[in-house]
Amino acid sequence: MLVEGDYFWRGPIAPETGNYAMANRNEVVNFAMMPAKEPGSGYRGQDFVSASGGTGYVLNPNTAHPDLAWQLLTYMFSKDSVDALQVLQPRIRARTDVSVPNDEVMTRIASEVLPLSTIRPQLPEYNQVSAQIQLMTERIVSGEMTPMEAMEAYDAAVTEIVGEDNVIRIPLD
C-alpha cells in the first residue's frame, strides 16, 4: 500500500508521460479511502480521513503594484483560466467548480475524498511544524524513539512553536 495523493496517479505512473509510465495503470492501480481508527472517530466525526494542500500564492507585501498583482492572481485562478489549464495538465484543482476532464479516478477523488479532507494550517509557523513531523518520523524509523515518545516530543515542540492556545489535541484512545 502506498499512501499518496493524485500526484502519483497523474505524474510518475501516468501511462503516456510518467517517469515510470505504466501502460496498464488503470487496470492495476486504484485508490482507497483511508479509514479512521474506528468508524466515526475521524476529524468532524468522519469514518475516513484525508489531508490536502499544496496550492498557495501570496502577494509580496512590498510590491509597488498590489492592485495589478491582485488582478493577475484573479485572472490566473478564474474559472475560465483554470478550465483552460486542465486541458494542458489535468489534476485536482483548488476550485470546486473545475472538473478533472477524462479521468474517472481523479474525478472520484475530487468528489468523494476532498469533502472529507483537512488542510494544513496556512500559518507562517507551519514550516517549523512540518520539520518536526519529518524529524519525529525519522526518529521512529531509526528506532531512536517509540511512536509514543515521538508523539510526546512532537507535542512539546509544536506547543513551543505555536503556543499552547493554538494547539488542538485529538485523543488517541
Protein backbone atom coordinates (compact mmCIF):
# COMPACT_ATOMS: atom_id res chain seq x y z
CA MET A 1 0.00 0.00 0.00
CA LEU A 2 1.25 3.47 -0.89
CA VAL A 3 -0.24 6.48 0.87
CA GLU A 4 -0.22 9.12 -1.84
CA GLY A 5 -2.36 11.77 -3.45
CA ASP A 6 -3.31 12.49 -7.01
CA TYR A 7 0.29 13.42 -7.94
CA PHE A 8 1.37 9.77 -8.13
CA TRP A 9 -1.55 8.97 -10.46
CA ARG A 10 -1.10 11.91 -12.83
CA GLY A 11 2.70 12.11 -12.56
CA PRO A 12 5.18 9.24 -12.14
CA ILE A 13 2.92 6.39 -13.31
CA ALA A 14 0.88 8.25 -15.95
CA PRO A 15 0.63 5.85 -18.91
CA GLU A 16 1.93 8.26 -21.56
CA THR A 17 4.11 10.77 -19.72
CA GLY A 18 5.21 9.34 -16.39
CA ASN A 19 8.85 8.76 -15.46
CA TYR A 20 7.74 5.23 -14.54
CA ALA A 21 4.92 5.03 -17.06
CA MET A 22 2.52 2.15 -16.55
CA ALA A 23 0.61 1.25 -19.68
CA ASN A 24 -1.85 -0.78 -17.58
CA ARG A 25 -2.09 1.73 -14.70
CA ASN A 26 -5.88 1.99 -14.90
CA GLU A 27 -6.23 -1.78 -14.51
CA VAL A 28 -3.73 -2.41 -11.69
CA VAL A 29 -3.68 0.77 -9.58
CA ASN A 30 -6.58 2.17 -7.62
CA PHE A 31 -7.30 4.38 -4.66
CA ALA A 32 -9.00 3.52 -1.40
CA MET A 33 -10.07 5.97 1.23
CA MET A 34 -8.04 5.94 4.46
CA PRO A 35 -10.25 4.71 7.30
CA ALA A 36 -10.28 6.47 10.64
CA LYS A 37 -9.11 4.41 13.62
CA GLU A 38 -12.76 3.45 14.21
CA PRO A 39 -15.95 4.41 12.37
CA GLY A 40 -16.91 7.95 13.30
CA SER A 41 -13.60 8.70 15.04
CA GLY A 42 -12.07 10.81 12.28
CA TYR A 43 -11.96 14.58 12.08
CA ARG A 44 -15.51 16.02 12.34
CA GLY A 45 -16.72 12.52 13.34
CA GLN A 46 -15.98 11.07 9.89
CA ASP A 47 -15.34 7.43 9.05
CA PHE A 48 -12.43 8.32 6.75
CA VAL A 49 -9.54 10.80 6.94
CA SER A 50 -7.67 12.83 4.36
CA ALA A 51 -5.27 15.77 4.25
CA SER A 52 -4.98 18.07 1.26
CA GLY A 53 -2.96 21.05 0.25
CA GLY A 54 -0.24 22.33 -1.96
CA THR A 55 -1.76 25.30 -3.74
CA GLY A 56 -0.88 28.62 -2.22
CA TYR A 57 0.08 32.01 -3.58
CA VAL A 58 0.95 35.12 -1.63
CA LEU A 59 1.21 38.70 -2.78
CA ASN A 60 4.51 40.29 -1.84
CA PRO A 61 3.62 42.89 0.81
CA ASN A 62 6.38 45.13 -0.57
CA THR A 63 5.10 45.21 -4.15
CA ALA A 64 4.79 48.64 -5.71
CA HIS A 65 1.68 47.47 -7.61
CA PRO A 66 -0.61 45.49 -5.27
CA ASP A 67 -3.71 46.13 -7.39
CA LEU A 68 -2.02 44.77 -10.53
CA ALA A 69 -0.69 41.77 -8.61
CA TRP A 70 -4.19 41.02 -7.33
CA GLN A 71 -5.62 41.39 -10.84
CA LEU A 72 -3.04 38.89 -12.12
CA LEU A 73 -3.93 36.31 -9.45
CA THR A 74 -7.64 36.91 -10.07
CA TYR A 75 -7.12 36.22 -13.77
CA MET A 76 -4.81 33.22 -13.24
CA PHE A 77 -7.30 31.49 -10.93
CA SER A 78 -10.55 32.44 -12.64
CA LYS A 79 -12.75 29.51 -13.62
CA ASP A 80 -12.05 30.08 -17.34
CA SER A 81 -8.27 30.16 -16.82
CA VAL A 82 -8.23 27.05 -14.64
CA ASP A 83 -10.54 25.19 -17.06
CA ALA A 84 -8.08 26.02 -19.88
CA LEU A 85 -5.16 24.81 -17.75
CA GLN A 86 -6.97 21.49 -17.21
CA VAL A 87 -6.62 20.80 -20.95
CA LEU A 88 -2.82 21.04 -20.63
CA GLN A 89 -2.37 19.49 -17.20
CA PRO A 90 -5.45 17.80 -15.73
CA ARG A 91 -5.40 17.46 -11.95
CA ILE A 92 -7.45 18.16 -8.87
CA ARG A 93 -7.53 21.93 -8.51
CA ALA A 94 -8.25 24.24 -5.59
CA ARG A 95 -11.51 25.30 -7.24
CA THR A 96 -14.50 23.04 -6.61
CA ASP A 97 -16.25 24.28 -9.77
CA VAL A 98 -13.49 22.96 -12.08
CA SER A 99 -13.74 19.30 -13.03
CA VAL A 100 -10.95 16.89 -13.97
CA PRO A 101 -11.55 16.08 -17.65
CA ASN A 102 -11.42 12.50 -18.87
CA ASP A 103 -10.14 10.97 -15.63
CA GLU A 104 -12.63 8.90 -13.68
CA VAL A 105 -10.22 8.23 -10.78
CA MET A 106 -9.32 11.86 -10.13
CA THR A 107 -12.95 12.90 -10.56
CA ARG A 108 -13.91 10.32 -7.91
CA ILE A 109 -11.17 11.56 -5.56
CA ALA A 110 -12.31 15.15 -6.04
CA SER A 111 -15.96 14.34 -5.38
CA GLU A 112 -15.65 11.70 -2.63
CA VAL A 113 -12.40 12.42 -0.76
CA LEU A 114 -11.95 16.19 -0.87
CA PRO A 115 -15.13 16.85 1.14
CA LEU A 116 -13.58 14.75 3.94
CA SER A 117 -10.22 16.46 3.74
CA THR A 118 -8.49 18.79 6.13
CA ILE A 119 -5.72 21.15 5.11
CA ARG A 120 -2.54 22.08 6.85
CA PRO A 121 -2.81 25.41 8.62
CA GLN A 122 -1.89 28.38 6.45
CA LEU A 123 0.35 29.89 9.11
CA PRO A 124 3.96 31.13 8.99
CA GLU A 125 4.91 28.58 11.66
CA TYR A 126 3.80 25.62 9.55
CA ASN A 127 7.25 25.05 8.03
CA GLN A 128 8.64 24.55 11.55
CA VAL A 129 5.78 22.19 12.40
CA SER A 130 6.35 20.27 9.16
CA ALA A 131 10.04 19.89 10.04
CA GLN A 132 9.01 18.36 13.38
CA ILE A 133 6.79 15.83 11.58
CA GLN A 134 9.76 14.79 9.45
CA LEU A 135 12.10 14.66 12.44
CA MET A 136 9.76 12.52 14.53
CA THR A 137 9.15 10.16 11.60
CA GLU A 138 12.92 9.77 11.25
CA ARG A 139 13.30 9.08 14.97
CA ILE A 140 10.64 6.36 14.87
CA VAL A 141 12.00 4.70 11.71
CA SER A 142 15.58 4.78 13.03
CA GLY A 143 14.50 3.23 16.34
CA GLU A 144 15.66 6.27 18.31
CA MET A 145 12.13 6.75 19.72
CA THR A 146 8.99 4.71 20.11
CA PRO A 147 5.90 6.13 18.40
CA MET A 148 4.58 7.30 21.78
CA GLU A 149 7.87 9.01 22.68
CA ALA A 150 7.89 10.74 19.31
CA MET A 151 4.28 11.88 19.79
CA GLU A 152 5.16 13.36 23.18
CA ALA A 153 8.25 15.10 21.77
CA TYR A 154 6.21 16.37 18.82
CA ASP A 155 3.53 17.72 21.16
CA ALA A 156 6.15 19.62 23.17
CA ALA A 157 7.89 21.00 20.06
CA VAL A 158 4.67 22.16 18.38
CA THR A 159 3.43 23.74 21.59
CA GLU A 160 6.68 25.69 21.83
CA ILE A 161 6.44 26.76 18.17
CA VAL A 162 2.79 27.90 18.07
CA GLY A 163 1.87 28.41 21.73
CA GLU A 164 -0.47 26.38 23.94
CA ASP A 165 -3.56 28.37 22.91
CA ASN A 166 -3.06 27.33 19.27
CA VAL A 167 -2.73 23.57 19.83
CA ILE A 168 -5.64 21.18 19.31
CA ARG A 169 -5.07 17.72 20.78
CA ILE A 170 -7.02 14.75 19.48
CA PRO A 171 -7.34 11.88 22.00
CA LEU A 172 -5.58 8.68 20.95
CA ASP A 173 -8.00 6.29 22.61
